[in-house]
Amino acid sequence: MQTLKRINEFLNRLLIWIGGVFLVCMILITCANIFFRVVWVPVRGTFELMGFFGALVAAFSLGYTQQRKGHIAVDVLLGTFSPGVRRILAVVNSFICLVFFGIVAWQLILKANTLRMSGEVTETLRIIYYPFTYAVALGCIVLSFALLSEFIQTLWGEKGDGTS
């Protein structure tokens, strides 16, 4: 179990760091675009880059946010249940989310394969789409791994009632 936790922690820290780099790039591109719009012409392809980089930032932060319990949760109803029921609900929730994001990752990989085969590129900068689609799928895979880790920990009772 400790190995699973360490792998999960490493993957999520790596992706959150890469996502942070893309977030800084988004800030720099935005600032450059504002500056050049005032003094000359806007930066070409800003809209495309913001879309791609925003998708990467969001996808790469999913697993880390799940690991840190940073997603929005409504505990008003769960607080009324006993610890045993909360644990069962946490196991069921983790499993359903694991299956859902596993399917999302699988479908994104299929979409990326289609984009790779078609050779589709963006209109302005002629950037190929499929690496970004694969990267978003990777974010969903790492989220699924975090959910799997949570599922196993809660199922084996390592987190008490699963609500930490």
C-alpha atoms as a PDB file:
ATOM      1  CA  MET A   1       0.000   0.000   0.000  1.00  0.00           C
ATOM      2  CA  GLN A   2       2.874   2.362   0.751  1.00  0.00           C
ATOM      3  CA  THR A   3       4.239   1.833  -2.766  1.00  0.00           C
ATOM      4  CA  LEU A   4       0.855   2.727  -4.239  1.00  0.00           C
ATOM      5  CA  LYS A   5       0.755   5.893  -2.130  1.00  0.00           C
ATOM      6  CA  ARG A   6       4.288   6.895  -3.174  1.00  0.00           C
ATOM      7  CA  ILE A   7       3.566   6.349  -6.879  1.00  0.00           C
ATOM      8  CA  ASN A   8       0.323   8.307  -6.571  1.00  0.00           C
ATOM      9  CA  GLU A   9       2.100  11.143  -4.764  1.00  0.00           C
ATOM     10  CA  PHE A  10       4.930  11.248  -7.334  1.00  0.00           C
ATOM     11  CA  LEU A  11       2.620  11.257 -10.362  1.00  0.00           C
ATOM     12  CA  ASN A  12       0.383  13.955  -8.919  1.00  0.00           C
ATOM     13  CA  ARG A  13       3.296  16.163  -7.883  1.00  0.00           C
ATOM     14  CA  LEU A  14       4.872  15.785 -11.329  1.00  0.00           C
ATOM     15  CA  LEU A  15       1.674  16.698 -13.152  1.00  0.00           C
ATOM     16  CA  ILE A  16       0.864  19.604 -10.833  1.00  0.00           C
ATOM     17  CA  TRP A  17       4.368  20.975 -11.416  1.00  0.00           C
ATOM     18  CA  ILE A  18       3.996  20.660 -15.205  1.00  0.00           C
ATOM     19  CA  GLY A  19       0.537  22.232 -14.964  1.00  0.00           C
ATOM     20  CA  GLY A  20       2.078  25.106 -12.998  1.00  0.00           C
ATOM     21  CA  VAL A  21       4.609  25.669 -15.773  1.00  0.00           C
ATOM     22  CA  PHE A  22       1.781  25.884 -18.303  1.00  0.00           C
ATOM     23  CA  LEU A  23      -0.110  28.263 -16.006  1.00  0.00           C
ATOM     24  CA  VAL A  24       2.933  30.557 -15.869  1.00  0.00           C
ATOM     25  CA  CYS A  25       3.125  30.359 -19.679  1.00  0.00           C
ATOM     26  CA  MET A  26      -0.531  31.386 -19.858  1.00  0.00           C
ATOM     27  CA  ILE A  27       0.167  34.398 -17.659  1.00  0.00           C
ATOM     28  CA  LEU A  28       3.176  35.419 -19.746  1.00  0.00           C
ATOM     29  CA  ILE A  29       1.290  35.027 -23.028  1.00  0.00           C
ATOM     30  CA  THR A  30      -1.631  37.038 -21.669  1.00  0.00           C
ATOM     31  CA  CYS A  31       0.657  39.833 -20.482  1.00  0.00           C
ATOM     32  CA  ALA A  32       2.545  39.829 -23.773  1.00  0.00           C
ATOM     33  CA  ASN A  33      -0.704  39.915 -25.719  1.00  0.00           C
ATOM     34  CA  ILE A  34      -1.990  42.878 -23.693  1.00  0.00           C
ATOM     35  CA  PHE A  35       1.294  44.747 -24.075  1.00  0.00           C
ATOM     36  CA  PHE A  36       1.669  44.098 -27.808  1.00  0.00           C
ATOM     37  CA  ARG A  37      -1.997  44.895 -28.450  1.00  0.00           C
ATOM     38  CA  VAL A  38      -1.359  48.366 -27.007  1.00  0.00           C
ATOM     39  CA  VAL A  39       1.961  49.092 -28.735  1.00  0.00           C
ATOM     40  CA  TRP A  40       1.702  47.166 -31.979  1.00  0.00           C
ATOM     41  CA  VAL A  41      -0.390  44.076 -32.855  1.00  0.00           C
ATOM     42  CA  PRO A  42      -1.695  41.282 -30.613  1.00  0.00           C
ATOM     43  CA  VAL A  43       0.236  38.040 -30.262  1.00  0.00           C
ATOM     44  CA  ARG A  44      -0.840  35.661 -33.009  1.00  0.00           C
ATOM     45  CA  GLY A  45      -2.525  32.456 -31.786  1.00  0.00           C
ATOM     46  CA  THR A  46      -3.127  33.564 -28.216  1.00  0.00           C
ATOM     47  CA  PHE A  47      -6.644  32.111 -28.217  1.00  0.00           C
ATOM     48  CA  GLU A  48      -5.390  28.687 -29.381  1.00  0.00           C
ATOM     49  CA  LEU A  49      -2.562  28.577 -26.860  1.00  0.00           C
ATOM     50  CA  MET A  50      -4.836  29.627 -24.004  1.00  0.00           C
ATOM     51  CA  GLY A  51      -7.262  26.844 -24.897  1.00  0.00           C
ATOM     52  CA  PHE A  52      -4.580  24.165 -25.052  1.00  0.00           C
ATOM     53  CA  PHE A  53      -2.697  25.345 -21.975  1.00  0.00           C
ATOM     54  CA  GLY A  54      -5.917  25.782 -19.982  1.00  0.00           C
ATOM     55  CA  ALA A  55      -6.927  22.218 -20.792  1.00  0.00           C
ATOM     56  CA  LEU A  56      -3.539  20.972 -19.612  1.00  0.00           C
ATOM     57  CA  VAL A  57      -3.636  22.999 -16.398  1.00  0.00           C
ATOM     58  CA  ALA A  58      -7.122  21.703 -15.571  1.00  0.00           C
ATOM     59  CA  ALA A  59      -6.397  18.071 -16.487  1.00  0.00           C
ATOM     60  CA  PHE A  60      -3.040  17.930 -14.725  1.00  0.00           C
ATOM     61  CA  SER A  61      -4.507  19.301 -11.499  1.00  0.00           C
ATOM     62  CA  LEU A  62      -7.346  16.776 -11.208  1.00  0.00           C
ATOM     63  CA  GLY A  63      -5.439  13.977  -9.453  1.00  0.00           C
ATOM     64  CA  TYR A  64      -3.609  16.311  -7.086  1.00  0.00           C
ATOM     65  CA  THR A  65      -6.855  18.029  -6.124  1.00  0.00           C
ATOM     66  CA  GLN A  66      -8.519  14.656  -5.525  1.00  0.00           C
ATOM     67  CA  GLN A  67      -5.588  13.502  -3.433  1.00  0.00           C
ATOM     68  CA  ARG A  68      -5.772  16.657  -1.288  1.00  0.00           C
ATOM     69  CA  LYS A  69      -9.600  16.545  -1.076  1.00  0.00           C
ATOM     70  CA  GLY A  70      -9.780  19.950  -2.733  1.00  0.00           C
ATOM     71  CA  HIS A  71     -12.904  19.306  -4.795  1.00  0.00           C
ATOM     72  CA  ILE A  72     -16.212  20.753  -3.733  1.00  0.00           C
ATOM     73  CA  ALA A  73     -18.099  18.400  -1.439  1.00  0.00           C
ATOM     74  CA  VAL A  74     -21.403  18.722   0.365  1.00  0.00           C
ATOM     75  CA  ASP A  75     -21.117  16.941   3.700  1.00  0.00           C
ATOM     76  CA  VAL A  76     -24.372  18.116   5.244  1.00  0.00           C
ATOM     77  CA  LEU A  77     -26.171  14.867   4.422  1.00  0.00           C
ATOM     78  CA  LEU A  78     -23.161  12.596   4.927  1.00  0.00           C
ATOM     79  CA  GLY A  79     -22.592  13.991   8.409  1.00  0.00           C
ATOM     80  CA  THR A  80     -25.888  12.495   9.546  1.00  0.00           C
ATOM     81  CA  PHE A  81     -24.796   8.923   8.734  1.00  0.00           C
ATOM     82  CA  SER A  82     -22.800   6.581  10.919  1.00  0.00           C
ATOM     83  CA  PRO A  83     -19.074   6.097  10.161  1.00  0.00           C
ATOM     84  CA  GLY A  84     -19.811   2.672   8.649  1.00  0.00           C
ATOM     85  CA  VAL A  85     -22.354   4.074   6.210  1.00  0.00           C
ATOM     86  CA  ARG A  86     -20.015   6.963   5.331  1.00  0.00           C
ATOM     87  CA  ARG A  87     -17.273   4.450   4.598  1.00  0.00           C
ATOM     88  CA  ILE A  88     -19.550   2.407   2.327  1.00  0.00           C
ATOM     89  CA  LEU A  89     -20.648   5.564   0.515  1.00  0.00           C
ATOM     90  CA  ALA A  90     -17.001   6.641   0.128  1.00  0.00           C
ATOM     91  CA  VAL A  91     -16.109   3.240  -1.375  1.00  0.00           C
ATOM     92  CA  VAL A  92     -19.061   3.376  -3.787  1.00  0.00           C
ATOM     93  CA  ASN A  93     -18.285   6.980  -4.730  1.00  0.00           C
ATOM     94  CA  SER A  94     -14.604   6.243  -5.352  1.00  0.00           C
ATOM     95  CA  PHE A  95     -15.502   3.233  -7.486  1.00  0.00           C
ATOM     96  CA  ILE A  96     -18.075   5.091  -9.590  1.00  0.00           C
ATOM     97  CA  CYS A  97     -15.682   8.011 -10.138  1.00  0.00           C
ATOM     98  CA  LEU A  98     -12.844   5.596 -10.962  1.00  0.00           C
ATOM     99  CA  VAL A  99     -14.952   3.882 -13.617  1.00  0.00           C
ATOM    100  CA  PHE A 100     -16.223   7.204 -15.006  1.00  0.00           C
ATOM    101  CA  PHE A 101     -12.795   8.799 -15.382  1.00  0.00           C
ATOM    102  CA  GLY A 102     -11.367   5.550 -16.707  1.00  0.00           C
ATOM    103  CA  ILE A 103     -13.975   5.676 -19.473  1.00  0.00           C
ATOM    104  CA  VAL A 104     -13.241   9.378 -20.056  1.00  0.00           C
ATOM    105  CA  ALA A 105      -9.515   8.624 -20.419  1.00  0.00           C
ATOM    106  CA  TRP A 106     -10.226   5.725 -22.784  1.00  0.00           C
ATOM    107  CA  GLN A 107     -12.494   7.873 -24.973  1.00  0.00           C
ATOM    108  CA  LEU A 108      -9.934  10.691 -25.019  1.00  0.00           C
ATOM    109  CA  ILE A 109      -7.271   8.260 -26.182  1.00  0.00           C
ATOM    110  CA  LEU A 110      -9.580   7.075 -28.975  1.00  0.00           C
ATOM    111  CA  LYS A 111     -10.235  10.717 -29.944  1.00  0.00           C
ATOM    112  CA  ALA A 112      -6.497  11.479 -29.898  1.00  0.00           C
ATOM    113  CA  ASN A 113      -5.857   8.483 -32.153  1.00  0.00           C
ATOM    114  CA  THR A 114      -8.444   9.800 -34.604  1.00  0.00           C
ATOM    115  CA  LEU A 115      -6.890  13.272 -34.518  1.00  0.00           C
ATOM    116  CA  ARG A 116      -3.428  11.772 -35.049  1.00  0.00           C
ATOM    117  CA  MET A 117      -4.596   9.769 -38.052  1.00  0.00           C
ATOM    118  CA  SER A 118      -6.383  12.744 -39.601  1.00  0.00           C
ATOM    119  CA  GLY A 119      -3.451  15.106 -39.042  1.00  0.00           C
ATOM    120  CA  GLU A 120      -5.764  17.890 -37.860  1.00  0.00           C
ATOM    121  CA  VAL A 121      -4.065  21.148 -36.876  1.00  0.00           C
ATOM    122  CA  THR A 122      -5.181  24.487 -35.458  1.00  0.00           C
ATOM    123  CA  GLU A 123      -6.172  27.260 -37.820  1.00  0.00           C
ATOM    124  CA  THR A 124      -3.775  30.036 -36.833  1.00  0.00           C
ATOM    125  CA  LEU A 125      -0.584  28.431 -35.552  1.00  0.00           C
ATOM    126  CA  ARG A 126      -0.961  25.051 -37.289  1.00  0.00           C
ATOM    127  CA  ILE A 127      -0.390  23.185 -34.000  1.00  0.00           C
ATOM    128  CA  ILE A 128      -1.303  19.505 -34.011  1.00  0.00           C
ATOM    129  CA  TYR A 129      -4.170  18.644 -31.668  1.00  0.00           C
ATOM    130  CA  TYR A 130      -3.495  15.079 -30.644  1.00  0.00           C
ATOM    131  CA  PRO A 131      -0.615  15.566 -28.158  1.00  0.00           C
ATOM    132  CA  PHE A 132      -2.831  17.827 -26.079  1.00  0.00           C
ATOM    133  CA  THR A 133      -5.663  15.301 -26.206  1.00  0.00           C
ATOM    134  CA  TYR A 134      -3.303  12.554 -25.060  1.00  0.00           C
ATOM    135  CA  ALA A 135      -2.090  14.849 -22.267  1.00  0.00           C
ATOM    136  CA  VAL A 136      -5.657  15.467 -21.042  1.00  0.00           C
ATOM    137  CA  ALA A 137      -6.198  11.689 -21.132  1.00  0.00           C
ATOM    138  CA  LEU A 138      -3.060  11.320 -19.009  1.00  0.00           C
ATOM    139  CA  GLY A 139      -4.538  13.725 -16.472  1.00  0.00           C
ATOM    140  CA  CYS A 140      -7.685  11.584 -16.333  1.00  0.00           C
ATOM    141  CA  ILE A 141      -5.592   8.412 -15.960  1.00  0.00           C
ATOM    142  CA  VAL A 142      -3.677   9.909 -13.034  1.00  0.00           C
ATOM    143  CA  LEU A 143      -6.984  10.997 -11.487  1.00  0.00           C
ATOM    144  CA  SER A 144      -8.242   7.427 -11.932  1.00  0.00           C
ATOM    145  CA  PHE A 145      -5.107   6.164 -10.227  1.00  0.00           C
ATOM    146  CA  ALA A 146      -5.713   8.557  -7.318  1.00  0.00           C
ATOM    147  CA  LEU A 147      -9.300   7.323  -7.117  1.00  0.00           C
ATOM    148  CA  LEU A 148      -8.105   3.702  -7.215  1.00  0.00           C
ATOM    149  CA  SER A 149      -5.705   4.409  -4.371  1.00  0.00           C
ATOM    150  CA  GLU A 150      -8.486   6.080  -2.398  1.00  0.00           C
ATOM    151  CA  PHE A 151     -10.860   3.198  -3.167  1.00  0.00           C
ATOM    152  CA  ILE A 152      -8.390   0.587  -1.903  1.00  0.00           C
ATOM    153  CA  GLN A 153      -7.464   2.601   1.195  1.00  0.00           C
ATOM    154  CA  THR A 154     -11.103   3.198   2.122  1.00  0.00           C
ATOM    155  CA  LEU A 155     -12.088  -0.400   1.363  1.00  0.00           C
ATOM    156  CA  TRP A 156      -9.306  -1.738   3.585  1.00  0.00           C
ATOM    157  CA  GLY A 157     -10.202   0.752   6.292  1.00  0.00           C
ATOM    158  CA  GLU A 158      -6.950   2.695   6.288  1.00  0.00           C
ATOM    159  CA  LYS A 159      -8.799   6.021   6.235  1.00  0.00           C
ATOM    160  CA  GLY A 160     -11.390   5.275   8.872  1.00  0.00           C
ATOM    161  CA  ASP A 161     -14.737   6.344   7.476  1.00  0.00           C
ATOM    162  CA  GLY A 162     -13.349   7.571   4.162  1.00  0.00           C
ATOM    163  CA  THR A 163     -14.324  11.162   4.781  1.00  0.00           C
ATOM    164  CA  SER A 164     -10.931  12.657   5.576  1.00  0.00           C
END
